[in-house]
């Protein structure tokens, strides 16, 4: 089963959703046959490369400091439930285009397992350590820590390599009508949005497995298009 995850690296719910999907997979009998790949999404394509405190950027976007504080507290609580040390007081919002180039490079050069580790390292660096995901030296160091070796990440980022591919992937997400993340696309036929609970994701995995085996029913009646929603 192929699962494509559309996410932004500075999206708290994407990090929480990642943990919940991993829990679901740990309990799923067919996990050995699941291939995860990550696709780019930018919550704010116009974000600057100069860091802005995450909490400030979010409050500015919401336009209501009290509501923003309440939502951030809810994120903190949900993250703690997944053993994520969400330090939004340290996180620095930046443009994530180069970070997505690194994620794409990891898949192309080292495969989906290393790509998954790179995503985890970049998210932890952003949400727990307050690292700058627009700094190319930082990105290269973090990618190496995650196991992306044998490739000069800084040289890659200093060139235009991979930029057209990432732009095309961002465009494909828009063409699918994605307007929120995380969104999980299964076999390019069924989609689930949001940081669903491990239990819900486990039900989704079993439902899709049944549909793939010709059991009928399930998501979009066992057929459907890439933009359909799968309910568990």
C-alpha atoms as a PDB file:
ATOM      1  CA  UNK A   1       0.000   0.000   0.000  1.00  0.00           C
ATOM      2  CA  UNK A   2       1.382   3.389  -0.989  1.00  0.00           C
ATOM      3  CA  UNK A   3       0.626   6.398   1.197  1.00  0.00           C
ATOM      4  CA  UNK A   4       1.593   9.887   0.038  1.00  0.00           C
ATOM      5  CA  UNK A   5       1.592  12.441   2.842  1.00  0.00           C
ATOM      6  CA  UNK A   6       1.065  16.070   1.890  1.00  0.00           C
ATOM      7  CA  UNK A   7       2.438  18.198   4.722  1.00  0.00           C
ATOM      8  CA  UNK A   8       4.366  21.301   5.668  1.00  0.00           C
ATOM      9  CA  UNK A   9       7.367  20.947   7.941  1.00  0.00           C
ATOM     10  CA  UNK A  10       6.259  23.863  10.132  1.00  0.00           C
ATOM     11  CA  UNK A  11       2.700  22.576  10.605  1.00  0.00           C
ATOM     12  CA  UNK A  12       2.143  21.343  14.192  1.00  0.00           C
ATOM     13  CA  UNK A  13      -0.767  19.127  13.195  1.00  0.00           C
ATOM     14  CA  UNK A  14       1.401  17.504  10.519  1.00  0.00           C
ATOM     15  CA  UNK A  15       3.929  16.511  13.197  1.00  0.00           C
ATOM     16  CA  UNK A  16       1.145  15.244  15.459  1.00  0.00           C
ATOM     17  CA  UNK A  17      -0.427  13.398  12.527  1.00  0.00           C
ATOM     18  CA  UNK A  18       2.908  11.791  11.709  1.00  0.00           C
ATOM     19  CA  UNK A  19       3.134  10.342  15.204  1.00  0.00           C
ATOM     20  CA  UNK A  20      -0.453   9.091  15.092  1.00  0.00           C
ATOM     21  CA  UNK A  21       0.037   7.418  11.722  1.00  0.00           C
ATOM     22  CA  UNK A  22       3.183   5.727  13.040  1.00  0.00           C
ATOM     23  CA  UNK A  23       1.189   4.370  15.992  1.00  0.00           C
ATOM     24  CA  UNK A  24      -1.481   3.061  13.629  1.00  0.00           C
ATOM     25  CA  UNK A  25       1.134   1.381  11.461  1.00  0.00           C
ATOM     26  CA  UNK A  26       2.769  -0.224  14.492  1.00  0.00           C
ATOM     27  CA  UNK A  27      -0.509  -2.063  15.124  1.00  0.00           C
ATOM     28  CA  UNK A  28      -1.316  -2.785  11.463  1.00  0.00           C
ATOM     29  CA  UNK A  29      -0.521  -6.360  10.328  1.00  0.00           C
ATOM     30  CA  UNK A  30       0.354  -5.254   6.799  1.00  0.00           C
ATOM     31  CA  UNK A  31       2.765  -2.483   7.831  1.00  0.00           C
ATOM     32  CA  UNK A  32       5.753  -4.188   6.175  1.00  0.00           C
ATOM     33  CA  UNK A  33       4.073  -3.647   2.803  1.00  0.00           C
ATOM     34  CA  UNK A  34       3.314   0.047   3.350  1.00  0.00           C
ATOM     35  CA  UNK A  35       5.456   2.640   1.557  1.00  0.00           C
ATOM     36  CA  UNK A  36       5.305   6.206   2.877  1.00  0.00           C
ATOM     37  CA  UNK A  37       6.408   9.167   0.793  1.00  0.00           C
ATOM     38  CA  UNK A  38       6.207  12.844   1.678  1.00  0.00           C
ATOM     39  CA  UNK A  39       4.928  15.558  -0.631  1.00  0.00           C
ATOM     40  CA  UNK A  40       5.379  19.303  -0.116  1.00  0.00           C
ATOM     41  CA  UNK A  41       2.744  21.755   0.982  1.00  0.00           C
ATOM     42  CA  UNK A  42       3.349  25.342   2.043  1.00  0.00           C
ATOM     43  CA  UNK A  43       1.042  26.941   4.565  1.00  0.00           C
ATOM     44  CA  UNK A  44       2.567  30.307   3.673  1.00  0.00           C
ATOM     45  CA  UNK A  45       4.399  30.332   0.321  1.00  0.00           C
ATOM     46  CA  UNK A  46       5.197  34.017   0.845  1.00  0.00           C
ATOM     47  CA  UNK A  47       6.873  33.539   4.229  1.00  0.00           C
ATOM     48  CA  UNK A  48      10.294  35.232   4.411  1.00  0.00           C
ATOM     49  CA  UNK A  49      13.574  33.413   4.893  1.00  0.00           C
ATOM     50  CA  UNK A  50      14.288  35.663   7.874  1.00  0.00           C
ATOM     51  CA  UNK A  51      12.899  33.935  10.987  1.00  0.00           C
ATOM     52  CA  UNK A  52       9.754  35.215  12.694  1.00  0.00           C
ATOM     53  CA  UNK A  53       8.655  33.717  16.038  1.00  0.00           C
ATOM     54  CA  UNK A  54       6.066  31.017  15.332  1.00  0.00           C
ATOM     55  CA  UNK A  55       3.655  32.297  17.960  1.00  0.00           C
ATOM     56  CA  UNK A  56       3.814  35.810  16.529  1.00  0.00           C
ATOM     57  CA  UNK A  57       3.338  34.595  12.955  1.00  0.00           C
ATOM     58  CA  UNK A  58       0.326  32.530  13.983  1.00  0.00           C
ATOM     59  CA  UNK A  59      -1.264  35.354  15.966  1.00  0.00           C
ATOM     60  CA  UNK A  60      -0.779  37.718  13.009  1.00  0.00           C
ATOM     61  CA  UNK A  61      -2.414  35.192  10.689  1.00  0.00           C
ATOM     62  CA  UNK A  62      -5.406  34.616  12.985  1.00  0.00           C
ATOM     63  CA  UNK A  63      -5.791  38.300  13.811  1.00  0.00           C
ATOM     64  CA  UNK A  64      -7.132  37.471  17.263  1.00  0.00           C
ATOM     65  CA  UNK A  65      -4.436  37.055  19.949  1.00  0.00           C
ATOM     66  CA  UNK A  66      -6.798  35.416  22.451  1.00  0.00           C
ATOM     67  CA  UNK A  67      -8.085  32.894  19.955  1.00  0.00           C
ATOM     68  CA  UNK A  68      -4.532  32.220  18.755  1.00  0.00           C
ATOM     69  CA  UNK A  69      -3.353  31.557  22.309  1.00  0.00           C
ATOM     70  CA  UNK A  70      -6.223  29.105  22.883  1.00  0.00           C
ATOM     71  CA  UNK A  71      -5.475  27.227  19.665  1.00  0.00           C
ATOM     72  CA  UNK A  72      -1.754  27.062  20.416  1.00  0.00           C
ATOM     73  CA  UNK A  73      -2.538  25.646  23.864  1.00  0.00           C
ATOM     74  CA  UNK A  74      -4.694  22.961  22.224  1.00  0.00           C
ATOM     75  CA  UNK A  75      -1.793  22.097  19.904  1.00  0.00           C
ATOM     76  CA  UNK A  76       0.570  21.855  22.864  1.00  0.00           C
ATOM     77  CA  UNK A  77      -1.776  19.465  24.638  1.00  0.00           C
ATOM     78  CA  UNK A  78      -2.302  17.276  21.568  1.00  0.00           C
ATOM     79  CA  UNK A  79       1.450  17.145  20.921  1.00  0.00           C
ATOM     80  CA  UNK A  80       2.190  16.161  24.512  1.00  0.00           C
ATOM     81  CA  UNK A  81      -0.208  13.257  24.074  1.00  0.00           C
ATOM     82  CA  UNK A  82       2.035  12.009  21.264  1.00  0.00           C
ATOM     83  CA  UNK A  83       5.250  12.516  23.246  1.00  0.00           C
ATOM     84  CA  UNK A  84       6.209  15.567  21.189  1.00  0.00           C
ATOM     85  CA  UNK A  85       7.956  18.399  23.027  1.00  0.00           C
ATOM     86  CA  UNK A  86       6.273  21.192  21.092  1.00  0.00           C
ATOM     87  CA  UNK A  87       8.266  24.336  21.905  1.00  0.00           C
ATOM     88  CA  UNK A  88       6.353  26.939  19.958  1.00  0.00           C
ATOM     89  CA  UNK A  89       8.050  29.590  22.087  1.00  0.00           C
ATOM     90  CA  UNK A  90      11.319  28.595  20.378  1.00  0.00           C
ATOM     91  CA  UNK A  91      10.057  27.800  16.880  1.00  0.00           C
ATOM     92  CA  UNK A  92      10.988  30.316  14.180  1.00  0.00           C
ATOM     93  CA  UNK A  93       8.659  30.492  11.169  1.00  0.00           C
ATOM     94  CA  UNK A  94      10.462  30.715   7.827  1.00  0.00           C
ATOM     95  CA  UNK A  95       9.849  29.868   4.197  1.00  0.00           C
ATOM     96  CA  UNK A  96       9.977  26.078   3.801  1.00  0.00           C
ATOM     97  CA  UNK A  97      10.688  25.759   0.088  1.00  0.00           C
ATOM     98  CA  UNK A  98      14.351  24.780   0.523  1.00  0.00           C
ATOM     99  CA  UNK A  99      13.451  22.370   3.314  1.00  0.00           C
ATOM    100  CA  UNK A 100      11.009  20.655   0.954  1.00  0.00           C
ATOM    101  CA  UNK A 101      13.792  20.433  -1.628  1.00  0.00           C
ATOM    102  CA  UNK A 102      15.843  18.506   0.928  1.00  0.00           C
ATOM    103  CA  UNK A 103      12.943  16.141   1.609  1.00  0.00           C
ATOM    104  CA  UNK A 104      12.535  15.520  -2.130  1.00  0.00           C
ATOM    105  CA  UNK A 105      16.288  15.008  -2.498  1.00  0.00           C
ATOM    106  CA  UNK A 106      16.250  12.419   0.280  1.00  0.00           C
ATOM    107  CA  UNK A 107      13.632  10.385  -1.569  1.00  0.00           C
ATOM    108  CA  UNK A 108      15.448  10.626  -4.898  1.00  0.00           C
ATOM    109  CA  UNK A 109      18.892   9.785  -3.522  1.00  0.00           C
ATOM    110  CA  UNK A 110      18.204   7.440  -0.621  1.00  0.00           C
ATOM    111  CA  UNK A 111      14.631   6.175  -0.744  1.00  0.00           C
ATOM    112  CA  UNK A 112      11.493   6.495   1.334  1.00  0.00           C
ATOM    113  CA  UNK A 113      12.914   5.258   4.660  1.00  0.00           C
ATOM    114  CA  UNK A 114      15.640   7.910   4.711  1.00  0.00           C
ATOM    115  CA  UNK A 115      13.134  10.504   3.520  1.00  0.00           C
ATOM    116  CA  UNK A 116      10.921   9.631   6.497  1.00  0.00           C
ATOM    117  CA  UNK A 117      13.871  10.075   8.880  1.00  0.00           C
ATOM    118  CA  UNK A 118      14.761  13.401   7.286  1.00  0.00           C
ATOM    119  CA  UNK A 119      11.186  14.652   7.775  1.00  0.00           C
ATOM    120  CA  UNK A 120      11.278  13.601  11.428  1.00  0.00           C
ATOM    121  CA  UNK A 121      14.627  15.329  11.973  1.00  0.00           C
ATOM    122  CA  UNK A 122      13.513  18.564  10.328  1.00  0.00           C
ATOM    123  CA  UNK A 123      10.249  18.662  12.273  1.00  0.00           C
ATOM    124  CA  UNK A 124      12.004  18.005  15.573  1.00  0.00           C
ATOM    125  CA  UNK A 125      14.598  20.640  14.741  1.00  0.00           C
ATOM    126  CA  UNK A 126      11.866  23.189  14.078  1.00  0.00           C
ATOM    127  CA  UNK A 127       9.364  22.379  16.809  1.00  0.00           C
ATOM    128  CA  UNK A 128      11.647  21.315  19.648  1.00  0.00           C
ATOM    129  CA  UNK A 129      15.023  22.924  19.018  1.00  0.00           C
ATOM    130  CA  UNK A 130      14.130  26.249  17.412  1.00  0.00           C
ATOM    131  CA  UNK A 131      16.391  25.611  14.404  1.00  0.00           C
ATOM    132  CA  UNK A 132      16.203  27.715  11.246  1.00  0.00           C
ATOM    133  CA  UNK A 133      14.809  25.619   8.380  1.00  0.00           C
ATOM    134  CA  UNK A 134      15.671  28.314   5.848  1.00  0.00           C
ATOM    135  CA  UNK A 135      19.390  28.155   6.682  1.00  0.00           C
ATOM    136  CA  UNK A 136      21.030  25.936   4.077  1.00  0.00           C
ATOM    137  CA  UNK A 137      23.952  24.951   6.292  1.00  0.00           C
ATOM    138  CA  UNK A 138      21.490  23.938   9.004  1.00  0.00           C
ATOM    139  CA  UNK A 139      19.446  21.923   6.512  1.00  0.00           C
ATOM    140  CA  UNK A 140      22.527  20.087   5.254  1.00  0.00           C
ATOM    141  CA  UNK A 141      23.635  19.239   8.779  1.00  0.00           C
ATOM    142  CA  UNK A 142      20.181  18.010   9.799  1.00  0.00           C
ATOM    143  CA  UNK A 143      19.838  15.893   6.656  1.00  0.00           C
ATOM    144  CA  UNK A 144      23.206  14.263   7.340  1.00  0.00           C
ATOM    145  CA  UNK A 145      22.150  13.497  10.922  1.00  0.00           C
ATOM    146  CA  UNK A 146      19.080  11.746   9.523  1.00  0.00           C
ATOM    147  CA  UNK A 147      21.174   9.553   7.237  1.00  0.00           C
ATOM    148  CA  UNK A 148      21.231  11.459   3.952  1.00  0.00           C
ATOM    149  CA  UNK A 149      24.894  10.898   3.090  1.00  0.00           C
ATOM    150  CA  UNK A 150      26.870  10.694  -0.121  1.00  0.00           C
ATOM    151  CA  UNK A 151      25.281  13.845  -1.519  1.00  0.00           C
ATOM    152  CA  UNK A 152      26.307  17.487  -1.098  1.00  0.00           C
ATOM    153  CA  UNK A 153      23.079  18.971   0.215  1.00  0.00           C
ATOM    154  CA  UNK A 154      24.445  22.505   0.459  1.00  0.00           C
ATOM    155  CA  UNK A 155      25.609  22.441  -3.153  1.00  0.00           C
ATOM    156  CA  UNK A 156      22.211  21.103  -4.180  1.00  0.00           C
ATOM    157  CA  UNK A 157      20.469  23.956  -2.390  1.00  0.00           C
ATOM    158  CA  UNK A 158      22.872  26.556  -3.787  1.00  0.00           C
ATOM    159  CA  UNK A 159      21.872  25.483  -7.307  1.00  0.00           C
ATOM    160  CA  UNK A 160      18.427  25.393  -8.890  1.00  0.00           C
ATOM    161  CA  UNK A 161      18.376  21.590  -8.790  1.00  0.00           C
ATOM    162  CA  UNK A 162      15.065  20.152  -7.735  1.00  0.00           C
ATOM    163  CA  UNK A 163      13.201  23.457  -7.701  1.00  0.00           C
ATOM    164  CA  UNK A 164      11.027  22.625 -10.706  1.00  0.00           C
ATOM    165  CA  UNK A 165      10.159  19.226  -9.243  1.00  0.00           C
ATOM    166  CA  UNK A 166       9.071  20.698  -5.912  1.00  0.00           C
ATOM    167  CA  UNK A 167       7.045  23.411  -7.638  1.00  0.00           C
ATOM    168  CA  UNK A 168       5.358  20.718  -9.746  1.00  0.00           C
ATOM    169  CA  UNK A 169       4.539  18.687  -6.621  1.00  0.00           C
ATOM    170  CA  UNK A 170       3.112  21.774  -4.913  1.00  0.00           C
ATOM    171  CA  UNK A 171       1.040  22.373  -8.033  1.00  0.00           C
ATOM    172  CA  UNK A 172      -0.239  18.815  -8.025  1.00  0.00           C
ATOM    173  CA  UNK A 173      -1.465  19.272  -4.478  1.00  0.00           C
ATOM    174  CA  UNK A 174      -3.335  22.401  -5.511  1.00  0.00           C
ATOM    175  CA  UNK A 175      -4.787  20.561  -8.505  1.00  0.00           C
ATOM    176  CA  UNK A 176      -6.115  17.888  -6.154  1.00  0.00           C
ATOM    177  CA  UNK A 177      -7.870  20.654  -4.249  1.00  0.00           C
ATOM    178  CA  UNK A 178      -5.884  20.227  -1.058  1.00  0.00           C
ATOM    179  CA  UNK A 179      -6.569  23.113   1.282  1.00  0.00           C
ATOM    180  CA  UNK A 180      -5.434  21.641   4.583  1.00  0.00           C
ATOM    181  CA  UNK A 181      -2.693  19.414   5.884  1.00  0.00           C
ATOM    182  CA  UNK A 182      -1.843  16.788   6.744  1.00  0.00           C
ATOM    183  CA  UNK A 183      -3.600  14.966   3.930  1.00  0.00           C
ATOM    184  CA  UNK A 184      -2.906  11.291   3.312  1.00  0.00           C
ATOM    185  CA  UNK A 185      -3.467   9.915  -0.186  1.00  0.00           C
ATOM    186  CA  UNK A 186      -3.735   6.136  -0.433  1.00  0.00           C
ATOM    187  CA  UNK A 187      -2.862   4.470  -3.735  1.00  0.00           C
ATOM    188  CA  UNK A 188      -3.742   7.753  -5.453  1.00  0.00           C
ATOM    189  CA  UNK A 189      -7.402   6.789  -5.038  1.00  0.00           C
ATOM    190  CA  UNK A 190      -8.494   7.704  -1.513  1.00  0.00           C
ATOM    191  CA  UNK A 191      -7.671  10.671   0.701  1.00  0.00           C
ATOM    192  CA  UNK A 192      -7.947  11.380   4.407  1.00  0.00           C
ATOM    193  CA  UNK A 193      -7.325  14.827   5.872  1.00  0.00           C
ATOM    194  CA  UNK A 194      -6.391  15.877   9.376  1.00  0.00           C
ATOM    195  CA  UNK A 195      -4.321  14.493  12.251  1.00  0.00           C
ATOM    196  CA  UNK A 196      -6.684  11.589  12.828  1.00  0.00           C
ATOM    197  CA  UNK A 197      -6.342   9.390  15.909  1.00  0.00           C
ATOM    198  CA  UNK A 198      -4.300   6.170  15.672  1.00  0.00           C
ATOM    199  CA  UNK A 199      -7.538   4.206  16.038  1.00  0.00           C
ATOM    200  CA  UNK A 200      -9.171   6.022  13.133  1.00  0.00           C
ATOM    201  CA  UNK A 201      -6.089   5.631  10.952  1.00  0.00           C
ATOM    202  CA  UNK A 202      -5.972   1.942  11.813  1.00  0.00           C
ATOM    203  CA  UNK A 203      -9.566   1.570  10.652  1.00  0.00           C
ATOM    204  CA  UNK A 204      -8.731   3.459   7.473  1.00  0.00           C
ATOM    205  CA  UNK A 205      -5.791   1.150   6.739  1.00  0.00           C
ATOM    206  CA  UNK A 206      -7.964  -1.939   7.128  1.00  0.00           C
ATOM    207  CA  UNK A 207     -10.799  -0.433   5.064  1.00  0.00           C
ATOM    208  CA  UNK A 208      -8.465   0.442   2.214  1.00  0.00           C
ATOM    209  CA  UNK A 209      -6.785  -2.953   2.347  1.00  0.00           C
ATOM    210  CA  UNK A 210     -10.200  -4.563   1.948  1.00  0.00           C
ATOM    211  CA  UNK A 211     -11.049  -2.269  -0.970  1.00  0.00           C
ATOM    212  CA  UNK A 212      -7.709  -3.043  -2.654  1.00  0.00           C
ATOM    213  CA  UNK A 213      -8.427  -6.767  -2.349  1.00  0.00           C
ATOM    214  CA  UNK A 214     -11.736  -6.289  -4.110  1.00  0.00           C
ATOM    215  CA  UNK A 215     -13.938  -6.399  -1.064  1.00  0.00           C
ATOM    216  CA  UNK A 216     -16.070  -3.525  -2.317  1.00  0.00           C
ATOM    217  CA  UNK A 217     -17.537  -0.727  -0.247  1.00  0.00           C
ATOM    218  CA  UNK A 218     -15.063   1.180   1.853  1.00  0.00           C
ATOM    219  CA  UNK A 219     -13.677   4.480   0.710  1.00  0.00           C
ATOM    220  CA  UNK A 220     -15.535   5.974  -2.243  1.00  0.00           C
ATOM    221  CA  UNK A 221     -17.213   2.620  -2.818  1.00  0.00           C
ATOM    222  CA  UNK A 222     -13.874   0.986  -3.569  1.00  0.00           C
ATOM    223  CA  UNK A 223     -13.223   3.238  -6.559  1.00  0.00           C
ATOM    224  CA  UNK A 224     -13.389   6.989  -6.629  1.00  0.00           C
ATOM    225  CA  UNK A 225     -10.937   9.653  -7.623  1.00  0.00           C
ATOM    226  CA  UNK A 226      -7.879  11.222  -6.036  1.00  0.00           C
ATOM    227  CA  UNK A 227      -9.869  13.970  -4.365  1.00  0.00           C
ATOM    228  CA  UNK A 228     -12.393  11.774  -2.577  1.00  0.00           C
ATOM    229  CA  UNK A 229     -12.642  11.538   1.183  1.00  0.00           C
ATOM    230  CA  UNK A 230     -12.323   8.268   3.037  1.00  0.00           C
ATOM    231  CA  UNK A 231     -14.388   7.841   6.171  1.00  0.00           C
ATOM    232  CA  UNK A 232     -13.532   5.165   8.670  1.00  0.00           C
END
